[in-house]
Every structure is written in structure tokens, then in C-alpha cells.
N, C-alpha and C. Protein backbone atom coordinates (compact mmCIF):
# COMPACT_ATOMS: atom_id res chain seq x y z
N MET A 1 155.24 74.50 142.38
CA MET A 1 156.44 73.70 142.61
C MET A 1 157.46 74.53 143.39
N SER A 2 158.00 73.97 144.46
CA SER A 2 158.97 74.69 145.28
C SER A 2 160.35 74.67 144.64
N ARG A 3 161.21 75.55 145.12
CA ARG A 3 162.59 75.58 144.61
C ARG A 3 163.28 74.24 144.82
N ALA A 4 162.96 73.58 145.93
CA ALA A 4 163.61 72.31 146.23
C ALA A 4 163.26 71.23 145.22
N GLU A 5 162.20 71.45 144.43
CA GLU A 5 161.78 70.44 143.45
C GLU A 5 162.23 70.77 142.03
N THR A 6 162.83 71.95 141.82
CA THR A 6 163.12 72.38 140.46
C THR A 6 164.59 72.37 140.07
N GLY A 7 165.45 71.95 140.95
CA GLY A 7 166.87 71.98 140.63
C GLY A 7 167.43 73.38 140.82
N ALA A 8 168.73 73.50 140.64
CA ALA A 8 169.41 74.79 140.80
C ALA A 8 170.74 74.72 140.06
N VAL A 9 171.29 75.89 139.80
CA VAL A 9 172.62 75.98 139.19
C VAL A 9 173.56 76.57 140.24
N LEU A 10 174.52 75.77 140.67
CA LEU A 10 175.55 76.25 141.59
C LEU A 10 176.72 76.68 140.73
N TRP A 11 176.96 77.98 140.67
CA TRP A 11 177.97 78.54 139.78
C TRP A 11 179.21 78.86 140.60
N PHE A 12 180.20 77.96 140.54
CA PHE A 12 181.46 78.14 141.28
C PHE A 12 182.37 79.02 140.42
N THR A 13 182.70 80.19 140.92
CA THR A 13 183.57 81.12 140.20
C THR A 13 184.78 81.46 141.06
N GLY A 14 185.90 81.71 140.42
CA GLY A 14 187.12 82.05 141.14
C GLY A 14 188.31 81.82 140.23
N LEU A 15 189.47 82.16 140.72
CA LEU A 15 190.70 82.04 139.95
C LEU A 15 191.05 80.57 139.67
N SER A 16 191.92 80.36 138.71
CA SER A 16 192.44 79.02 138.44
C SER A 16 193.13 78.53 139.71
N GLY A 17 192.84 77.30 140.11
CA GLY A 17 193.45 76.73 141.31
C GLY A 17 192.76 77.10 142.60
N ALA A 18 191.63 77.79 142.53
CA ALA A 18 190.94 78.22 143.74
C ALA A 18 190.28 77.06 144.48
N GLY A 19 189.89 76.02 143.73
CA GLY A 19 189.22 74.88 144.35
C GLY A 19 187.79 74.70 143.89
N LYS A 20 187.43 75.32 142.78
CA LYS A 20 186.06 75.25 142.25
C LYS A 20 185.66 73.81 141.93
N SER A 21 186.46 73.15 141.12
CA SER A 21 186.15 71.77 140.71
C SER A 21 186.18 70.82 141.90
N THR A 22 187.12 71.02 142.81
CA THR A 22 187.23 70.16 143.99
C THR A 22 185.96 70.24 144.83
N LEU A 23 185.45 71.45 145.05
CA LEU A 23 184.22 71.62 145.82
C LEU A 23 183.03 71.02 145.08
N ALA A 24 182.96 71.26 143.78
CA ALA A 24 181.84 70.72 142.99
C ALA A 24 181.84 69.19 143.03
N GLU A 25 183.01 68.59 142.88
CA GLU A 25 183.12 67.13 142.92
C GLU A 25 182.73 66.58 144.29
N ALA A 26 183.01 67.34 145.35
CA ALA A 26 182.70 66.88 146.70
C ALA A 26 181.23 67.06 147.05
N VAL A 27 180.59 68.09 146.52
CA VAL A 27 179.18 68.33 146.85
C VAL A 27 178.25 67.43 146.03
N ALA A 28 178.69 66.97 144.86
CA ALA A 28 177.84 66.16 143.99
C ALA A 28 177.28 64.91 144.68
N PRO A 29 178.11 64.08 145.31
CA PRO A 29 177.55 62.88 145.94
C PRO A 29 176.62 63.19 147.11
N ARG A 30 176.85 64.31 147.77
CA ARG A 30 175.97 64.70 148.88
C ARG A 30 174.58 65.07 148.34
N LEU A 31 174.55 65.76 147.20
CA LEU A 31 173.26 66.10 146.59
C LEU A 31 172.55 64.84 146.10
N ARG A 32 173.33 63.95 145.49
CA ARG A 32 172.74 62.68 145.03
C ARG A 32 172.18 61.89 146.22
N GLY A 33 172.87 61.96 147.34
CA GLY A 33 172.41 61.30 148.55
C GLY A 33 171.08 61.85 149.06
N GLU A 34 170.76 63.06 148.66
CA GLU A 34 169.48 63.66 149.02
C GLU A 34 168.43 63.42 147.94
N GLY A 35 168.78 62.54 146.99
CA GLY A 35 167.82 62.18 145.94
C GLY A 35 167.77 63.15 144.78
N LYS A 36 168.78 63.98 144.62
CA LYS A 36 168.79 64.97 143.54
C LYS A 36 169.53 64.43 142.32
N LYS A 37 169.06 64.84 141.14
CA LYS A 37 169.79 64.57 139.91
C LYS A 37 170.88 65.64 139.81
N VAL A 38 172.10 65.22 139.47
CA VAL A 38 173.23 66.15 139.46
C VAL A 38 174.03 65.98 138.18
N GLU A 39 174.41 67.10 137.57
CA GLU A 39 175.33 67.11 136.42
C GLU A 39 176.39 68.17 136.68
N SER A 40 177.58 67.93 136.16
CA SER A 40 178.67 68.89 136.29
C SER A 40 179.05 69.47 134.95
N LEU A 41 179.29 70.77 134.94
CA LEU A 41 179.83 71.45 133.76
C LEU A 41 181.13 72.11 134.19
N ASP A 42 182.22 71.41 134.00
CA ASP A 42 183.54 71.92 134.38
C ASP A 42 184.10 72.75 133.23
N GLY A 43 184.65 73.90 133.55
CA GLY A 43 185.15 74.81 132.52
C GLY A 43 186.14 74.17 131.56
N ASP A 44 187.06 73.36 132.07
CA ASP A 44 188.05 72.72 131.21
C ASP A 44 187.40 71.72 130.27
N VAL A 45 186.44 70.95 130.77
CA VAL A 45 185.76 69.95 129.95
C VAL A 45 184.88 70.63 128.89
N VAL A 46 184.20 71.69 129.30
CA VAL A 46 183.35 72.43 128.35
C VAL A 46 184.19 72.99 127.22
N ARG A 47 185.35 73.53 127.54
CA ARG A 47 186.21 74.09 126.49
C ARG A 47 186.68 73.01 125.52
N THR A 48 186.86 71.80 126.00
CA THR A 48 187.29 70.70 125.14
C THR A 48 186.19 70.25 124.20
N HIS A 49 184.93 70.27 124.67
CA HIS A 49 183.85 69.69 123.88
C HIS A 49 182.89 70.72 123.29
N LEU A 50 182.39 71.63 124.12
CA LEU A 50 181.35 72.56 123.69
C LEU A 50 181.93 73.86 123.11
N SER A 51 183.09 74.24 123.56
CA SER A 51 183.66 75.52 123.14
C SER A 51 185.03 75.37 122.51
N ARG A 52 185.25 74.24 121.87
CA ARG A 52 186.53 74.02 121.19
C ARG A 52 186.77 75.13 120.17
N GLY A 53 187.97 75.62 120.12
CA GLY A 53 188.30 76.66 119.15
C GLY A 53 188.20 78.07 119.71
N LEU A 54 187.57 78.23 120.85
CA LEU A 54 187.49 79.57 121.45
C LEU A 54 188.80 79.87 122.16
N GLY A 55 189.20 81.13 122.09
CA GLY A 55 190.40 81.56 122.79
C GLY A 55 190.04 82.15 124.14
N TYR A 56 190.87 83.10 124.58
CA TYR A 56 190.67 83.67 125.90
C TYR A 56 190.48 85.18 125.86
N SER A 57 190.10 85.69 124.69
CA SER A 57 189.76 87.11 124.62
C SER A 57 188.46 87.31 125.40
N ARG A 58 188.14 88.54 125.72
CA ARG A 58 186.89 88.80 126.45
C ARG A 58 185.70 88.28 125.65
N GLU A 59 185.69 88.51 124.36
CA GLU A 59 184.57 88.06 123.52
C GLU A 59 184.43 86.53 123.55
N ASP A 60 185.55 85.82 123.41
CA ASP A 60 185.50 84.36 123.45
C ASP A 60 185.06 83.85 124.82
N ARG A 61 185.52 84.51 125.88
CA ARG A 61 185.10 84.11 127.23
C ARG A 61 183.60 84.33 127.40
N GLU A 62 183.08 85.43 126.85
CA GLU A 62 181.64 85.70 126.95
C GLU A 62 180.84 84.62 126.22
N ILE A 63 181.30 84.21 125.06
CA ILE A 63 180.62 83.15 124.31
C ILE A 63 180.64 81.85 125.11
N ASN A 64 181.79 81.52 125.67
CA ASN A 64 181.94 80.31 126.45
C ASN A 64 180.98 80.30 127.65
N VAL A 65 180.95 81.37 128.41
CA VAL A 65 180.09 81.45 129.58
C VAL A 65 178.61 81.43 129.17
N ALA A 66 178.26 82.08 128.07
CA ALA A 66 176.88 82.06 127.59
C ALA A 66 176.45 80.64 127.22
N ARG A 67 177.34 79.88 126.62
CA ARG A 67 177.04 78.49 126.28
C ARG A 67 176.82 77.66 127.54
N ILE A 68 177.70 77.84 128.51
CA ILE A 68 177.56 77.10 129.77
C ILE A 68 176.23 77.44 130.43
N ALA A 69 175.90 78.73 130.47
CA ALA A 69 174.65 79.17 131.10
C ALA A 69 173.44 78.57 130.38
N PHE A 70 173.47 78.52 129.05
CA PHE A 70 172.37 77.97 128.28
C PHE A 70 172.15 76.50 128.62
N VAL A 71 173.21 75.72 128.61
CA VAL A 71 173.11 74.29 128.92
C VAL A 71 172.68 74.09 130.38
N ALA A 72 173.26 74.87 131.29
CA ALA A 72 172.91 74.76 132.71
C ALA A 72 171.42 75.04 132.91
N HIS A 73 170.91 76.05 132.23
CA HIS A 73 169.50 76.41 132.36
C HIS A 73 168.60 75.28 131.84
N LEU A 74 168.96 74.69 130.71
CA LEU A 74 168.17 73.57 130.18
C LEU A 74 168.10 72.43 131.18
N LEU A 75 169.23 72.10 131.76
CA LEU A 75 169.27 71.01 132.74
C LEU A 75 168.46 71.37 133.99
N GLN A 76 168.66 72.58 134.50
CA GLN A 76 167.96 73.02 135.72
C GLN A 76 166.46 72.99 135.51
N ARG A 77 165.99 73.41 134.35
CA ARG A 77 164.54 73.41 134.08
C ARG A 77 163.96 72.01 134.15
N ASN A 78 164.81 71.01 134.01
CA ASN A 78 164.38 69.62 134.07
C ASN A 78 164.71 68.97 135.42
N GLY A 79 164.86 69.81 136.45
CA GLY A 79 165.00 69.31 137.80
C GLY A 79 166.39 68.88 138.21
N VAL A 80 167.40 69.27 137.44
CA VAL A 80 168.78 68.86 137.72
C VAL A 80 169.51 69.94 138.53
N PHE A 81 170.32 69.50 139.47
CA PHE A 81 171.25 70.40 140.14
C PHE A 81 172.52 70.42 139.29
N VAL A 82 172.85 71.57 138.75
CA VAL A 82 173.98 71.71 137.83
C VAL A 82 175.12 72.39 138.57
N LEU A 83 176.28 71.74 138.56
CA LEU A 83 177.46 72.28 139.23
C LEU A 83 178.40 72.82 138.17
N VAL A 84 178.44 74.14 138.04
CA VAL A 84 179.28 74.81 137.06
C VAL A 84 180.56 75.24 137.75
N SER A 85 181.69 74.78 137.22
CA SER A 85 183.00 75.21 137.73
C SER A 85 183.71 75.93 136.60
N ALA A 86 183.63 77.24 136.61
CA ALA A 86 184.22 78.03 135.52
C ALA A 86 184.72 79.35 136.08
N ILE A 87 185.91 79.74 135.69
CA ILE A 87 186.47 80.99 136.18
C ILE A 87 185.48 82.13 135.97
N SER A 88 184.90 82.21 134.77
CA SER A 88 183.94 83.27 134.41
C SER A 88 184.33 84.60 135.06
N PRO A 89 185.40 85.20 134.54
CA PRO A 89 186.06 86.30 135.24
C PRO A 89 185.32 87.63 135.30
N TYR A 90 184.35 87.85 134.42
CA TYR A 90 183.71 89.16 134.38
C TYR A 90 182.33 89.13 135.01
N ARG A 91 182.04 90.12 135.84
CA ARG A 91 180.73 90.20 136.51
C ARG A 91 179.59 90.18 135.50
N SER A 92 179.75 90.89 134.40
CA SER A 92 178.65 90.98 133.42
C SER A 92 178.29 89.60 132.88
N MET A 93 179.27 88.74 132.71
CA MET A 93 179.01 87.37 132.24
C MET A 93 178.18 86.61 133.25
N ARG A 94 178.58 86.68 134.50
CA ARG A 94 177.87 85.96 135.55
C ARG A 94 176.48 86.54 135.77
N GLU A 95 176.36 87.86 135.64
CA GLU A 95 175.04 88.48 135.79
C GLU A 95 174.11 88.07 134.64
N GLY A 96 174.68 87.88 133.45
CA GLY A 96 173.88 87.38 132.33
C GLY A 96 173.38 85.98 132.61
N ALA A 97 174.24 85.14 133.18
CA ALA A 97 173.84 83.78 133.55
C ALA A 97 172.76 83.84 134.64
N ARG A 98 172.95 84.71 135.61
CA ARG A 98 171.96 84.87 136.68
C ARG A 98 170.61 85.28 136.12
N ALA A 99 170.61 86.25 135.21
CA ALA A 99 169.35 86.73 134.62
C ALA A 99 168.62 85.60 133.90
N LEU A 100 169.35 84.74 133.23
CA LEU A 100 168.75 83.63 132.49
C LEU A 100 168.18 82.57 133.45
N ILE A 101 168.89 82.30 134.53
CA ILE A 101 168.59 81.16 135.39
C ILE A 101 167.78 81.52 136.64
N ALA A 102 167.78 82.78 137.02
CA ALA A 102 167.09 83.21 138.26
C ALA A 102 165.67 82.67 138.29
N PRO A 103 165.19 82.29 139.45
CA PRO A 103 165.75 82.40 140.80
C PRO A 103 166.53 81.15 141.24
N HIS A 104 166.99 80.38 140.29
CA HIS A 104 167.66 79.11 140.60
C HIS A 104 169.19 79.19 140.46
N PHE A 105 169.73 80.40 140.43
CA PHE A 105 171.16 80.64 140.25
C PHE A 105 171.78 80.90 141.62
N VAL A 106 172.79 80.11 141.97
CA VAL A 106 173.47 80.26 143.26
C VAL A 106 174.96 80.48 142.96
N GLU A 107 175.40 81.71 143.14
CA GLU A 107 176.79 82.05 142.85
C GLU A 107 177.65 81.77 144.08
N ILE A 108 178.68 80.94 143.89
CA ILE A 108 179.59 80.58 144.97
C ILE A 108 180.98 81.07 144.58
N HIS A 109 181.45 82.09 145.29
CA HIS A 109 182.77 82.66 145.01
C HIS A 109 183.81 81.86 145.80
N VAL A 110 184.63 81.13 145.09
CA VAL A 110 185.70 80.35 145.70
C VAL A 110 186.92 81.27 145.71
N ALA A 111 187.29 81.74 146.90
CA ALA A 111 188.14 82.92 146.98
C ALA A 111 189.35 82.82 147.90
N PRO A 112 190.25 81.87 147.65
CA PRO A 112 191.51 81.93 148.40
C PRO A 112 192.34 83.10 147.84
N PRO A 113 193.33 83.57 148.58
CA PRO A 113 194.19 84.63 148.04
C PRO A 113 194.93 84.16 146.78
N LEU A 114 195.24 85.09 145.89
CA LEU A 114 195.98 84.79 144.66
C LEU A 114 197.26 84.02 144.98
N GLU A 115 197.95 84.40 146.04
CA GLU A 115 199.21 83.74 146.41
C GLU A 115 199.00 82.24 146.65
N GLU A 116 197.85 81.88 147.22
CA GLU A 116 197.55 80.47 147.47
C GLU A 116 197.31 79.74 146.14
N CYS A 117 196.62 80.39 145.22
CA CYS A 117 196.40 79.78 143.90
C CYS A 117 197.72 79.57 143.17
N ILE A 118 198.62 80.55 143.28
CA ILE A 118 199.94 80.44 142.66
C ILE A 118 200.73 79.30 143.33
N ARG A 119 200.62 79.20 144.65
CA ARG A 119 201.33 78.14 145.37
C ARG A 119 200.84 76.76 144.92
N ARG A 120 199.52 76.62 144.75
CA ARG A 120 198.95 75.33 144.33
C ARG A 120 199.36 75.00 142.90
N ASP A 121 199.15 75.90 141.98
CA ASP A 121 199.52 75.82 140.55
C ASP A 121 199.63 74.39 140.01
N VAL A 122 198.58 73.62 140.18
CA VAL A 122 198.56 72.21 139.78
C VAL A 122 198.93 72.03 138.31
N LYS A 123 198.47 72.92 137.45
CA LYS A 123 198.67 72.76 136.00
C LYS A 123 199.91 73.50 135.49
N GLY A 124 200.60 74.23 136.36
CA GLY A 124 201.78 74.99 135.94
C GLY A 124 201.44 76.24 135.15
N LEU A 125 200.17 76.66 135.20
CA LEU A 125 199.74 77.80 134.39
C LEU A 125 200.23 79.13 134.95
N TYR A 126 200.21 79.28 136.26
CA TYR A 126 200.69 80.55 136.85
C TYR A 126 202.17 80.76 136.54
N ARG A 127 202.96 79.69 136.66
CA ARG A 127 204.39 79.79 136.37
C ARG A 127 204.58 80.30 134.95
N ARG A 128 203.82 79.71 134.01
CA ARG A 128 203.94 80.12 132.60
C ARG A 128 203.42 81.54 132.38
N ALA A 129 202.33 81.91 133.07
CA ALA A 129 201.77 83.26 132.92
C ALA A 129 202.74 84.31 133.48
N LEU A 130 203.32 84.00 134.63
CA LEU A 130 204.27 84.93 135.24
C LEU A 130 205.54 85.08 134.41
N ALA A 131 205.86 84.04 133.63
CA ALA A 131 207.03 84.10 132.75
C ALA A 131 206.68 84.76 131.41
N GLY A 132 205.41 85.14 131.24
CA GLY A 132 204.99 85.81 130.01
C GLY A 132 204.67 84.85 128.88
N GLU A 133 204.60 83.57 129.17
CA GLU A 133 204.31 82.57 128.13
C GLU A 133 202.83 82.47 127.81
N ILE A 134 201.98 82.86 128.75
CA ILE A 134 200.53 82.83 128.54
C ILE A 134 200.01 84.25 128.66
N ARG A 135 199.40 84.71 127.57
CA ARG A 135 198.78 86.03 127.61
C ARG A 135 197.33 85.87 128.06
N GLU A 136 196.73 86.94 128.51
CA GLU A 136 195.33 86.94 128.93
C GLU A 136 195.04 85.87 129.97
N PHE A 137 195.90 85.78 130.99
CA PHE A 137 195.70 84.80 132.05
C PHE A 137 195.04 85.49 133.24
N THR A 138 193.87 85.02 133.61
CA THR A 138 193.07 85.64 134.66
C THR A 138 193.84 85.70 135.98
N GLY A 139 193.87 86.89 136.56
CA GLY A 139 194.54 87.10 137.83
C GLY A 139 195.96 87.58 137.69
N ILE A 140 196.55 87.39 136.50
CA ILE A 140 197.93 87.83 136.27
C ILE A 140 197.95 88.93 135.21
N SER A 141 197.58 88.59 133.98
CA SER A 141 197.60 89.57 132.90
C SER A 141 196.20 89.92 132.39
N ASP A 142 195.19 89.37 133.03
CA ASP A 142 193.81 89.65 132.68
C ASP A 142 193.03 89.76 133.99
N PRO A 143 192.03 90.64 134.05
CA PRO A 143 191.35 90.86 135.33
C PRO A 143 190.42 89.74 135.75
N TYR A 144 190.20 89.64 137.06
CA TYR A 144 189.12 88.84 137.62
C TYR A 144 188.27 89.79 138.44
N GLU A 145 187.01 89.92 138.06
CA GLU A 145 186.10 90.80 138.77
C GLU A 145 185.31 89.96 139.78
N ALA A 146 185.70 90.08 141.04
CA ALA A 146 185.05 89.29 142.10
C ALA A 146 183.57 89.66 142.19
N PRO A 147 182.73 88.68 142.53
CA PRO A 147 181.31 88.97 142.71
C PRO A 147 181.10 89.99 143.81
N GLU A 148 180.11 90.86 143.63
CA GLU A 148 179.81 91.86 144.64
C GLU A 148 178.87 91.32 145.71
N SER A 149 177.97 90.42 145.34
CA SER A 149 177.06 89.86 146.34
C SER A 149 176.69 88.42 145.99
N PRO A 150 177.69 87.53 146.07
CA PRO A 150 177.41 86.12 145.81
C PRO A 150 176.56 85.53 146.93
N GLU A 151 175.93 84.42 146.65
CA GLU A 151 175.17 83.75 147.69
C GLU A 151 176.08 83.16 148.76
N LEU A 152 177.34 82.87 148.38
CA LEU A 152 178.29 82.29 149.33
C LEU A 152 179.71 82.58 148.87
N THR A 153 180.59 82.90 149.81
CA THR A 153 182.02 83.06 149.54
C THR A 153 182.78 82.08 150.42
N LEU A 154 183.70 81.34 149.80
CA LEU A 154 184.48 80.36 150.54
C LEU A 154 185.97 80.59 150.27
N ASP A 155 186.73 80.80 151.32
CA ASP A 155 188.18 80.91 151.22
C ASP A 155 188.75 79.52 151.46
N THR A 156 189.09 78.83 150.39
CA THR A 156 189.55 77.44 150.50
C THR A 156 190.95 77.32 151.11
N SER A 157 191.59 78.43 151.39
CA SER A 157 192.87 78.35 152.10
C SER A 157 192.64 78.30 153.61
N ALA A 158 191.41 78.59 154.03
CA ALA A 158 191.11 78.67 155.46
C ALA A 158 190.14 77.61 155.94
N ILE A 159 189.56 76.83 155.02
CA ILE A 159 188.60 75.78 155.41
C ILE A 159 188.93 74.49 154.67
N THR A 160 188.42 73.38 155.19
CA THR A 160 188.60 72.10 154.51
C THR A 160 187.52 71.95 153.44
N VAL A 161 187.70 70.98 152.57
CA VAL A 161 186.69 70.68 151.56
C VAL A 161 185.38 70.29 152.24
N ASP A 162 185.46 69.47 153.27
CA ASP A 162 184.25 69.06 153.99
C ASP A 162 183.52 70.26 154.59
N ASP A 163 184.27 71.21 155.15
CA ASP A 163 183.65 72.42 155.69
C ASP A 163 182.94 73.19 154.57
N GLY A 164 183.59 73.27 153.42
CA GLY A 164 183.00 73.96 152.28
C GLY A 164 181.70 73.32 151.84
N VAL A 165 181.69 72.00 151.76
CA VAL A 165 180.48 71.26 151.36
C VAL A 165 179.37 71.51 152.37
N THR A 166 179.70 71.45 153.65
CA THR A 166 178.70 71.69 154.69
C THR A 166 178.10 73.08 154.55
N ARG A 167 178.93 74.08 154.28
CA ARG A 167 178.44 75.45 154.12
C ARG A 167 177.57 75.59 152.87
N ILE A 168 177.97 74.92 151.80
CA ILE A 168 177.18 74.98 150.56
C ILE A 168 175.79 74.38 150.79
N LEU A 169 175.73 73.20 151.40
CA LEU A 169 174.44 72.56 151.65
C LEU A 169 173.57 73.40 152.58
N ALA A 170 174.19 73.98 153.60
CA ALA A 170 173.43 74.83 154.52
C ALA A 170 172.85 76.04 153.79
N ARG A 171 173.65 76.63 152.91
CA ARG A 171 173.17 77.81 152.17
C ARG A 171 172.04 77.42 151.21
N LEU A 172 172.16 76.25 150.58
CA LEU A 172 171.08 75.78 149.69
C LEU A 172 169.79 75.59 150.48
N ARG A 173 169.89 75.12 151.71
CA ARG A 173 168.70 74.97 152.55
C ARG A 173 168.11 76.34 152.90
N GLU A 174 168.99 77.29 153.26
CA GLU A 174 168.53 78.64 153.59
C GLU A 174 167.79 79.27 152.42
N LEU A 175 168.27 79.03 151.22
CA LEU A 175 167.67 79.62 150.01
C LEU A 175 166.45 78.84 149.52
N GLY A 176 166.19 77.69 150.12
CA GLY A 176 165.03 76.90 149.74
C GLY A 176 165.26 75.94 148.59
N HIS A 177 166.52 75.76 148.18
CA HIS A 177 166.82 74.83 147.09
C HIS A 177 166.89 73.38 147.57
N LEU A 178 167.08 73.21 148.87
CA LEU A 178 167.02 71.89 149.50
C LEU A 178 166.04 71.99 150.65
N GLU A 179 165.38 70.90 150.93
CA GLU A 179 164.46 70.90 152.05
C GLU A 179 165.24 71.07 153.35
N SER A 180 164.62 71.76 154.29
CA SER A 180 165.28 72.06 155.55
C SER A 180 165.60 70.81 156.35
N SER A 181 164.69 69.88 156.34
CA SER A 181 164.95 68.64 157.04
C SER A 181 164.23 67.52 156.32
N VAL A 182 164.74 66.35 156.49
CA VAL A 182 164.12 65.20 155.86
C VAL A 182 162.91 64.82 156.69
N VAL A 183 161.77 64.88 156.05
CA VAL A 183 160.53 64.55 156.75
C VAL A 183 160.28 63.07 156.56
N SER A 184 160.26 62.37 157.65
CA SER A 184 160.00 60.94 157.54
C SER A 184 158.50 60.72 157.61
N ARG A 185 158.04 59.98 156.64
CA ARG A 185 156.62 59.69 156.58
C ARG A 185 156.40 58.30 157.14
N GLN A 186 155.65 58.25 158.18
CA GLN A 186 155.35 56.96 158.78
C GLN A 186 153.97 56.55 158.34
N SER A 187 153.87 55.36 157.85
CA SER A 187 152.55 54.89 157.46
C SER A 187 151.81 54.48 158.72
N SER A 188 150.60 54.94 158.79
CA SER A 188 149.82 54.60 159.98
C SER A 188 149.31 53.18 159.83
N VAL A 189 149.47 52.45 160.84
CA VAL A 189 149.03 51.06 160.84
C VAL A 189 147.74 50.98 161.63
N GLU A 190 146.74 50.54 160.96
CA GLU A 190 145.46 50.42 161.64
C GLU A 190 145.42 49.07 162.36
N THR A 191 145.09 49.13 163.54
CA THR A 191 144.98 47.88 164.31
C THR A 191 143.53 47.54 164.50
N GLU A 192 143.29 46.27 164.49
CA GLU A 192 141.92 45.82 164.72
C GLU A 192 141.64 45.78 166.20
N THR A 193 140.51 46.22 166.53
CA THR A 193 140.11 46.13 167.94
C THR A 193 139.10 45.00 168.06
N GLU A 194 139.17 44.34 169.16
CA GLU A 194 138.25 43.23 169.35
C GLU A 194 137.03 43.68 170.09
């Protein structure tokens, strides 16, 4: 069975407000359009349902990421393209997920500058973190360890969402997770000769 037939886990990592969920939401219909089964595991939704009660200590973050990786792997093994949007700030966490899911793990570093994430601040979290109201906030009072060799890095301050989706699909094709081109099968029509 080829990689294109087994699903994959697209692991979008980056700071809060980087554009992880936006890219995942935009790539999902494109994958479905190619006949793929797609599920999303958004970090905020997972924390509400699967990881309720966990805090933001390193240990709690490791548990959260391990749970996401476990569920993503189960889905991927069943032919699903899983779109994970989670800060997952520590390299060791992401490498653990990679080890579990390889060779179907595709790390996508969504990497606008911190200043751009602060400017966007959709949820008001940076404002609160900078005011000292939120402790252990990634990028401000807690570290974010950028991937050393992700399959793809996207600076969402310099490209459009559509450009990002195009680059993601192209990279999936390069890696063999999507077929290079759609092969049209023409049925041969036998004609009767007189």
C-alpha cells in the first residue's frame, strides 16, 4: 500500500495566533476534493473534550500532545488525513509524535514573527500574558522550540491562506502522501467491425 492510500498526519505547530487552525480549515476541503477522508484535531477543542483538567505545565502539555498523537495515529492507520492544530511547544513532544506516526507524520511549522501573532491576538491572550495575568504562556513566559527540520515552514505574515494551502498540497505530493497527478482511466470501447 502506498503512502497516498494510508492517510497522513499533518501536524501544524506554531505560536498562538500563527494561523495553524486557519490553514488546517482551508486545506481540509481540498483534501476531501481529492477523495480523502479528513478529520481535524484542534488544540483548543481537544483541551475542552479529551484533555479537560490539564493545565499548561510542561508535564500537562506532554500528556496533551501524547493524547493527540495517539488519536491521530489511530485515525491515520485507518486511512484518514488528520489535521492537528496544536502549539505543541517542545521539540521532544513533536518528535515523540513523529516516532509514533512515522512515516506518515508531516510537520508544518506555521511561523509568522511573534510580533505578528501579538498584533493578531484574536483571543486577547497575548495582552493578558504581557500584563502578567497568564503564566506559562508560550512565546512570552514559556518557551517555544521551533522545529529544526519540519517538512514545511510557512510564514503566514508573508503569504495568503490560499498560497499556504497550495504549498501544503505540493509538499504532500512530493512526499508521496498524495498522488502526483490525477490519472484518468478511460474505458476502452470495443467497436464492432463489419
